Amino acid sequence: MAKSVATAASSLSQTLKRYLKKPWEITGPCADPEYKLAVPGALEYRLECPATTKVQACVPTSNPETVYDIKYFARDQRRNRPPIKRTVLKKADVEKLMKEKTTFDVSEFPPVYLTDFVEEDYNAQGGGYQK
């Protein structure tokens, strides 16, 4: 009698599970009968530790002169320039240069942006502003 009640209860629960579904199982990818849950079980997840592998890794070896250099900075041609020459001027050097050059030519200065004179209208009432 107890077995028949248990089987009837499990049958009833299976029937209810078929018709009463979670909202995300009604539509979408979870509704497909071939859908498998992506989360692994506790006994399936990471059966062996990454540090204790059964098979040793196969590391290829070669002659050092035939190995391709994968470093980026060794192959970067933009950084493969001669160093910039910098000169540091001391105060004595600057004073010597200033003594040699006594005058400045007009061509050494940048051109002036404004080449025309602004024409003022002195007859405007209120200084040109409207009232």
Foldseek 3Di string as FASTA:
>chain_A
DVVVVVVVVVVVVVVCPVVDDDPVCVDDPNVDPPDDDPDDDPCPPCVDDPVDDPDDDDDDDDDPVPDDDPDDVVPDVVPVDPDDDDDDDDPVNVVVVCVVDPDDDPVVDDDDPDDDDDDADPPDPPRVDDD
